[in-house]
Amino acid sequence: MTDIKTVADNADMIVGGYAFTKSGEFIRVLNLNSKASAAVLSPLGDVIETSMNDIELDIVKDYFKRNKAFLED
């Protein structure tokens, strides 16, 4: 069971209710309002895996594209 508070506390960035967490070379994204909506992105923003619908995924990719500088070391 995913603990939303733990995910939020450990996130590298939270934008629009989505927690972005670097995990190795990938970025894990979780909708903090719906634990069933998650995605894994490549460092370039390509979708590796997802349970999000297309509209939500487009929103997440846009958030990532506009804010990825905050995820860089």
PDB file of N, CA and C in Angstrom:
ATOM      1  N   MET A   1       0.847  -1.182   0.000  1.00  0.00           N
ATOM      2  CA  MET A   1       0.000   0.000   0.000  1.00  0.00           C
ATOM      3  C   MET A   1       0.890   1.242   0.000  1.00  0.00           C
ATOM      4  N   THR A   2       0.632   2.134  -0.917  1.00  0.00           N
ATOM      5  CA  THR A   2       1.413   3.360  -1.050  1.00  0.00           C
ATOM      6  C   THR A   2       0.937   4.397  -0.042  1.00  0.00           C
ATOM      7  N   ASP A   3       1.870   4.921   0.734  1.00  0.00           N
ATOM      8  CA  ASP A   3       1.565   5.968   1.697  1.00  0.00           C
ATOM      9  C   ASP A   3       1.810   7.321   1.024  1.00  0.00           C
ATOM     10  N   ILE A   4       0.754   8.059   0.772  1.00  0.00           N
ATOM     11  CA  ILE A   4       0.821   9.326   0.047  1.00  0.00           C
ATOM     12  C   ILE A   4       1.744  10.323   0.751  1.00  0.00           C
ATOM     13  N   LYS A   5       1.671  10.402   2.060  1.00  0.00           N
ATOM     14  CA  LYS A   5       2.515  11.348   2.795  1.00  0.00           C
ATOM     15  C   LYS A   5       3.993  11.019   2.591  1.00  0.00           C
ATOM     16  N   THR A   6       4.347   9.746   2.627  1.00  0.00           N
ATOM     17  CA  THR A   6       5.741   9.345   2.423  1.00  0.00           C
ATOM     18  C   THR A   6       6.199   9.681   1.014  1.00  0.00           C
ATOM     19  N   VAL A   7       5.351   9.410   0.027  1.00  0.00           N
ATOM     20  CA  VAL A   7       5.694   9.737  -1.362  1.00  0.00           C
ATOM     21  C   VAL A   7       5.905  11.240  -1.497  1.00  0.00           C
ATOM     22  N   ALA A   8       4.997  12.026  -0.942  1.00  0.00           N
ATOM     23  CA  ALA A   8       5.110  13.483  -1.033  1.00  0.00           C
ATOM     24  C   ALA A   8       6.361  13.991  -0.316  1.00  0.00           C
ATOM     25  N   ASP A   9       6.651  13.443   0.853  1.00  0.00           N
ATOM     26  CA  ASP A   9       7.831  13.868   1.612  1.00  0.00           C
ATOM     27  C   ASP A   9       9.126  13.544   0.878  1.00  0.00           C
ATOM     28  N   ASN A  10       9.148  12.438   0.142  1.00  0.00           N
ATOM     29  CA  ASN A  10      10.367  12.007  -0.549  1.00  0.00           C
ATOM     30  C   ASN A  10      10.452  12.490  -1.995  1.00  0.00           C
ATOM     31  N   ALA A  11       9.423  13.170  -2.473  1.00  0.00           N
ATOM     32  CA  ALA A  11       9.410  13.635  -3.859  1.00  0.00           C
ATOM     33  C   ALA A  11      10.476  14.706  -4.078  1.00  0.00           C
ATOM     34  N   ASP A  12      11.058  14.684  -5.263  1.00  0.00           N
ATOM     35  CA  ASP A  12      12.024  15.710  -5.634  1.00  0.00           C
ATOM     36  C   ASP A  12      11.327  16.991  -6.088  1.00  0.00           C
ATOM     37  N   MET A  13      10.073  16.836  -6.518  1.00  0.00           N
ATOM     38  CA  MET A  13       9.308  17.980  -7.007  1.00  0.00           C
ATOM     39  C   MET A  13       7.822  17.607  -6.960  1.00  0.00           C
ATOM     40  N   ILE A  14       6.979  18.546  -6.576  1.00  0.00           N
ATOM     41  CA  ILE A  14       5.528  18.358  -6.635  1.00  0.00           C
ATOM     42  C   ILE A  14       4.966  19.511  -7.441  1.00  0.00           C
ATOM     43  N   VAL A  15       4.223  19.181  -8.493  1.00  0.00           N
ATOM     44  CA  VAL A  15       3.616  20.189  -9.359  1.00  0.00           C
ATOM     45  C   VAL A  15       2.176  19.767  -9.641  1.00  0.00           C
ATOM     46  N   GLY A  16       1.235  20.643  -9.360  1.00  0.00           N
ATOM     47  CA  GLY A  16      -0.158  20.392  -9.696  1.00  0.00           C
ATOM     48  C   GLY A  16      -0.723  19.113  -9.105  1.00  0.00           C
ATOM     49  N   GLY A  17      -0.258  18.709  -7.935  1.00  0.00           N
ATOM     50  CA  GLY A  17      -0.766  17.502  -7.300  1.00  0.00           C
ATOM     51  C   GLY A  17      -0.083  16.223  -7.748  1.00  0.00           C
ATOM     52  N   TYR A  18       0.995  16.345  -8.518  1.00  0.00           N
ATOM     53  CA  TYR A  18       1.759  15.188  -8.976  1.00  0.00           C
ATOM     54  C   TYR A  18       3.139  15.205  -8.333  1.00  0.00           C
ATOM     55  N   ALA A  19       3.515  14.078  -7.735  1.00  0.00           N
ATOM     56  CA  ALA A  19       4.833  13.946  -7.123  1.00  0.00           C
ATOM     57  C   ALA A  19       5.787  13.336  -8.133  1.00  0.00           C
ATOM     58  N   PHE A  20       6.893  14.020  -8.391  1.00  0.00           N
ATOM     59  CA  PHE A  20       7.938  13.555  -9.306  1.00  0.00           C
ATOM     60  C   PHE A  20       9.131  13.151  -8.453  1.00  0.00           C
ATOM     61  N   THR A  21       9.533  11.883  -8.572  1.00  0.00           N
ATOM     62  CA  THR A  21      10.634  11.360  -7.766  1.00  0.00           C
ATOM     63  C   THR A  21      11.643  10.672  -8.669  1.00  0.00           C
ATOM     64  N   LYS A  22      12.907  11.112  -8.557  1.00  0.00           N
ATOM     65  CA  LYS A  22      13.961  10.457  -9.336  1.00  0.00           C
ATOM     66  C   LYS A  22      14.223   9.086  -8.728  1.00  0.00           C
ATOM     67  N   SER A  23      14.290   8.077  -9.607  1.00  0.00           N
ATOM     68  CA  SER A  23      14.540   6.707  -9.172  1.00  0.00           C
ATOM     69  C   SER A  23      15.519   6.097 -10.163  1.00  0.00           C
ATOM     70  N   GLY A  24      16.797   6.136  -9.812  1.00  0.00           N
ATOM     71  CA  GLY A  24      17.816   5.686 -10.758  1.00  0.00           C
ATOM     72  C   GLY A  24      17.844   6.634 -11.934  1.00  0.00           C
ATOM     73  N   GLU A  25      17.740   6.109 -13.138  1.00  0.00           N
ATOM     74  CA  GLU A  25      17.744   6.971 -14.315  1.00  0.00           C
ATOM     75  C   GLU A  25      16.337   7.387 -14.746  1.00  0.00           C
ATOM     76  N   PHE A  26      15.319   6.942 -14.033  1.00  0.00           N
ATOM     77  CA  PHE A  26      13.940   7.238 -14.401  1.00  0.00           C
ATOM     78  C   PHE A  26      13.289   8.201 -13.412  1.00  0.00           C
ATOM     79  N   ILE A  27      12.140   8.755 -13.805  1.00  0.00           N
ATOM     80  CA  ILE A  27      11.370   9.635 -12.944  1.00  0.00           C
ATOM     81  C   ILE A  27      10.019   8.970 -12.713  1.00  0.00           C
ATOM     82  N   ARG A  28       9.701   8.731 -11.463  1.00  0.00           N
ATOM     83  CA  ARG A  28       8.400   8.162 -11.100  1.00  0.00           C
ATOM     84  C   ARG A  28       7.448   9.316 -10.819  1.00  0.00           C
ATOM     85  N   VAL A  29       6.223   9.192 -11.318  1.00  0.00           N
ATOM     86  CA  VAL A  29       5.219  10.241 -11.131  1.00  0.00           C
ATOM     87  C   VAL A  29       3.980   9.599 -10.512  1.00  0.00           C
ATOM     88  N   LEU A  30       3.471  10.200  -9.456  1.00  0.00           N
ATOM     89  CA  LEU A  30       2.263   9.704  -8.806  1.00  0.00           C
ATOM     90  C   LEU A  30       1.290  10.852  -8.616  1.00  0.00           C
ATOM     91  N   ASN A  31       0.051  10.626  -8.998  1.00  0.00           N
ATOM     92  CA  ASN A  31      -1.011  11.584  -8.737  1.00  0.00           C
ATOM     93  C   ASN A  31      -1.345  11.465  -7.253  1.00  0.00           C
ATOM     94  N   LEU A  32      -1.096  12.504  -6.481  1.00  0.00           N
ATOM     95  CA  LEU A  32      -1.304  12.457  -5.037  1.00  0.00           C
ATOM     96  C   LEU A  32      -2.772  12.408  -4.659  1.00  0.00           C
ATOM     97  N   ASN A  33      -3.664  12.670  -5.606  1.00  0.00           N
ATOM     98  CA  ASN A  33      -5.097  12.607  -5.351  1.00  0.00           C
ATOM     99  C   ASN A  33      -5.711  11.288  -5.790  1.00  0.00           C
ATOM    100  N   SER A  34      -4.940  10.469  -6.487  1.00  0.00           N
ATOM    101  CA  SER A  34      -5.434   9.178  -6.971  1.00  0.00           C
ATOM    102  C   SER A  34      -4.251   8.227  -7.111  1.00  0.00           C
ATOM    103  N   LYS A  35      -4.076   7.375  -6.122  1.00  0.00           N
ATOM    104  CA  LYS A  35      -2.914   6.485  -6.108  1.00  0.00           C
ATOM    105  C   LYS A  35      -2.886   5.525  -7.293  1.00  0.00           C
ATOM    106  N   ALA A  36      -3.993   5.356  -7.972  1.00  0.00           N
ATOM    107  CA  ALA A  36      -4.037   4.454  -9.127  1.00  0.00           C
ATOM    108  C   ALA A  36      -3.425   5.086 -10.373  1.00  0.00           C
ATOM    109  N   SER A  37      -3.193   6.386 -10.348  1.00  0.00           N
ATOM    110  CA  SER A  37      -2.626   7.089 -11.505  1.00  0.00           C
ATOM    111  C   SER A  37      -1.139   7.322 -11.291  1.00  0.00           C
ATOM    112  N   ALA A  38      -0.344   6.563 -12.038  1.00  0.00           N
ATOM    113  CA  ALA A  38       1.103   6.658 -11.903  1.00  0.00           C
ATOM    114  C   ALA A  38       1.758   6.506 -13.265  1.00  0.00           C
ATOM    115  N   ALA A  39       3.004   6.949 -13.341  1.00  0.00           N
ATOM    116  CA  ALA A  39       3.759   6.821 -14.592  1.00  0.00           C
ATOM    117  C   ALA A  39       5.245   6.765 -14.271  1.00  0.00           C
ATOM    118  N   VAL A  40       5.989   6.226 -15.218  1.00  0.00           N
ATOM    119  CA  VAL A  40       7.442   6.246 -15.159  1.00  0.00           C
ATOM    120  C   VAL A  40       7.914   6.907 -16.443  1.00  0.00           C
ATOM    121  N   LEU A  41       8.753   7.941 -16.305  1.00  0.00           N
ATOM    122  CA  LEU A  41       9.257   8.690 -17.452  1.00  0.00           C
ATOM    123  C   LEU A  41      10.760   8.509 -17.578  1.00  0.00           C
ATOM    124  N   SER A  42      11.245   8.598 -18.804  1.00  0.00           N
ATOM    125  CA  SER A  42      12.691   8.618 -19.032  1.00  0.00           C
ATOM    126  C   SER A  42      13.188  10.026 -18.715  1.00  0.00           C
ATOM    127  N   PRO A  43      14.494  10.220 -18.627  1.00  0.00           N
ATOM    128  CA  PRO A  43      15.026  11.571 -18.366  1.00  0.00           C
ATOM    129  C   PRO A  43      14.632  12.589 -19.447  1.00  0.00           C
ATOM    130  N   LEU A  44      14.268  12.117 -20.624  1.00  0.00           N
ATOM    131  CA  LEU A  44      13.839  13.010 -21.699  1.00  0.00           C
ATOM    132  C   LEU A  44      12.326  13.240 -21.701  1.00  0.00           C
ATOM    133  N   GLY A  45      11.594  12.559 -20.815  1.00  0.00           N
ATOM    134  CA  GLY A  45      10.151  12.724 -20.731  1.00  0.00           C
ATOM    135  C   GLY A  45       9.360  11.700 -21.516  1.00  0.00           C
ATOM    136  N   ASP A  46      10.043  10.684 -22.074  1.00  0.00           N
ATOM    137  CA  ASP A  46       9.335   9.617 -22.776  1.00  0.00           C
ATOM    138  C   ASP A  46       8.665   8.705 -21.755  1.00  0.00           C
ATOM    139  N   VAL A  47       7.482   8.211 -22.085  1.00  0.00           N
ATOM    140  CA  VAL A  47       6.737   7.348 -21.174  1.00  0.00           C
ATOM    141  C   VAL A  47       7.278   5.926 -21.264  1.00  0.00           C
ATOM    142  N   ILE A  48       7.676   5.386 -20.131  1.00  0.00           N
ATOM    143  CA  ILE A  48       8.163   4.020 -20.041  1.00  0.00           C
ATOM    144  C   ILE A  48       7.012   3.096 -19.654  1.00  0.00           C
ATOM    145  N   GLU A  49       6.205   3.564 -18.702  1.00  0.00           N
ATOM    146  CA  GLU A  49       5.112   2.764 -18.167  1.00  0.00           C
ATOM    147  C   GLU A  49       4.090   3.723 -17.566  1.00  0.00           C
ATOM    148  N   THR A  50       2.791   3.371 -17.655  1.00  0.00           N
ATOM    149  CA  THR A  50       1.786   4.262 -17.078  1.00  0.00           C
ATOM    150  C   THR A  50       0.470   3.539 -16.810  1.00  0.00           C
ATOM    151  N   SER A  51      -0.273   4.097 -15.869  1.00  0.00           N
ATOM    152  CA  SER A  51      -1.650   3.673 -15.637  1.00  0.00           C
ATOM    153  C   SER A  51      -2.583   4.884 -15.797  1.00  0.00           C
ATOM    154  N   MET A  52      -2.037   5.969 -16.329  1.00  0.00           N
ATOM    155  CA  MET A  52      -2.804   7.204 -16.544  1.00  0.00           C
ATOM    156  C   MET A  52      -3.499   7.169 -17.900  1.00  0.00           C
ATOM    157  N   ASN A  53      -4.606   7.911 -18.002  1.00  0.00           N
ATOM    158  CA  ASN A  53      -5.240   8.054 -19.311  1.00  0.00           C
ATOM    159  C   ASN A  53      -4.456   9.078 -20.132  1.00  0.00           C
ATOM    160  N   ASP A  54      -4.757   9.179 -21.398  1.00  0.00           N
ATOM    161  CA  ASP A  54      -3.980  10.030 -22.308  1.00  0.00           C
ATOM    162  C   ASP A  54      -3.994  11.509 -21.916  1.00  0.00           C
ATOM    163  N   ILE A  55      -5.130  11.999 -21.459  1.00  0.00           N
ATOM    164  CA  ILE A  55      -5.232  13.411 -21.094  1.00  0.00           C
ATOM    165  C   ILE A  55      -4.361  13.711 -19.879  1.00  0.00           C
ATOM    166  N   GLU A  56      -4.468  12.876 -18.854  1.00  0.00           N
ATOM    167  CA  GLU A  56      -3.667  13.071 -17.651  1.00  0.00           C
ATOM    168  C   GLU A  56      -2.175  12.946 -17.964  1.00  0.00           C
ATOM    169  N   LEU A  57      -1.835  12.001 -18.826  1.00  0.00           N
ATOM    170  CA  LEU A  57      -0.439  11.803 -19.205  1.00  0.00           C
ATOM    171  C   LEU A  57       0.114  13.020 -19.943  1.00  0.00           C
ATOM    172  N   ASP A  58      -0.685  13.633 -20.804  1.00  0.00           N
ATOM    173  CA  ASP A  58      -0.250  14.861 -21.486  1.00  0.00           C
ATOM    174  C   ASP A  58       0.000  15.988 -20.486  1.00  0.00           C
ATOM    175  N   ILE A  59      -0.845  16.078 -19.463  1.00  0.00           N
ATOM    176  CA  ILE A  59      -0.673  17.098 -18.422  1.00  0.00           C
ATOM    177  C   ILE A  59       0.639  16.863 -17.683  1.00  0.00           C
ATOM    178  N   VAL A  60       0.892  15.613 -17.289  1.00  0.00           N
ATOM    179  CA  VAL A  60       2.113  15.269 -16.555  1.00  0.00           C
ATOM    180  C   VAL A  60       3.357  15.540 -17.396  1.00  0.00           C
ATOM    181  N   LYS A  61       3.315  15.160 -18.673  1.00  0.00           N
ATOM    182  CA  LYS A  61       4.466  15.397 -19.544  1.00  0.00           C
ATOM    183  C   LYS A  61       4.728  16.884 -19.716  1.00  0.00           C
ATOM    184  N   ASP A  62       3.674  17.691 -19.759  1.00  0.00           N
ATOM    185  CA  ASP A  62       3.830  19.143 -19.857  1.00  0.00           C
ATOM    186  C   ASP A  62       4.437  19.704 -18.569  1.00  0.00           C
ATOM    187  N   TYR A  63       3.949  19.257 -17.407  1.00  0.00           N
ATOM    188  CA  TYR A  63       4.538  19.671 -16.131  1.00  0.00           C
ATOM    189  C   TYR A  63       6.019  19.310 -16.102  1.00  0.00           C
ATOM    190  N   PHE A  64       6.340  18.094 -16.538  1.00  0.00           N
ATOM    191  CA  PHE A  64       7.729  17.645 -16.535  1.00  0.00           C
ATOM    192  C   PHE A  64       8.583  18.521 -17.451  1.00  0.00           C
ATOM    193  N   LYS A  65       8.093  18.761 -18.656  1.00  0.00           N
ATOM    194  CA  LYS A  65       8.860  19.543 -19.630  1.00  0.00           C
ATOM    195  C   LYS A  65       9.143  20.953 -19.113  1.00  0.00           C
ATOM    196  N   ARG A  66       8.152  21.574 -18.473  1.00  0.00           N
ATOM    197  CA  ARG A  66       8.322  22.936 -17.997  1.00  0.00           C
ATOM    198  C   ARG A  66       9.146  23.052 -16.720  1.00  0.00           C
ATOM    199  N   ASN A  67       9.259  21.943 -15.970  1.00  0.00           N
ATOM    200  CA  ASN A  67       9.912  22.017 -14.661  1.00  0.00           C
ATOM    201  C   ASN A  67      11.077  21.059 -14.478  1.00  0.00           C
ATOM    202  N   LYS A  68      11.528  20.405 -15.549  1.00  0.00           N
ATOM    203  CA  LYS A  68      12.569  19.390 -15.384  1.00  0.00           C
ATOM    204  C   LYS A  68      13.890  19.950 -14.879  1.00  0.00           C
ATOM    205  N   ALA A  69      14.130  21.229 -15.037  1.00  0.00           N
ATOM    206  CA  ALA A  69      15.365  21.835 -14.511  1.00  0.00           C
ATOM    207  C   ALA A  69      15.443  21.678 -12.992  1.00  0.00           C
ATOM    208  N   PHE A  70      14.292  21.602 -12.317  1.00  0.00           N
ATOM    209  CA  PHE A  70      14.282  21.451 -10.860  1.00  0.00           C
ATOM    210  C   PHE A  70      14.632  20.034 -10.428  1.00  0.00           C
ATOM    211  N   LEU A  71      14.623  19.087 -11.351  1.00  0.00           N
ATOM    212  CA  LEU A  71      14.971  17.693 -11.041  1.00  0.00           C
ATOM    213  C   LEU A  71      16.441  17.394 -11.289  1.00  0.00           C
ATOM    214  N   GLU A  72      17.146  18.308 -11.930  1.00  0.00           N
ATOM    215  CA  GLU A  72      18.543  18.084 -12.247  1.00  0.00           C
ATOM    216  C   GLU A  72      19.406  18.265 -11.015  1.00  0.00           C
ATOM    217  N   ASP A  73      20.511  17.511 -10.957  1.00  0.00           N
ATOM    218  CA  ASP A  73      21.412  17.589  -9.800  1.00  0.00           C
ATOM    219  C   ASP A  73      22.159  18.892  -9.718  1.00  0.00           C
TER     220      ASP A  73
END
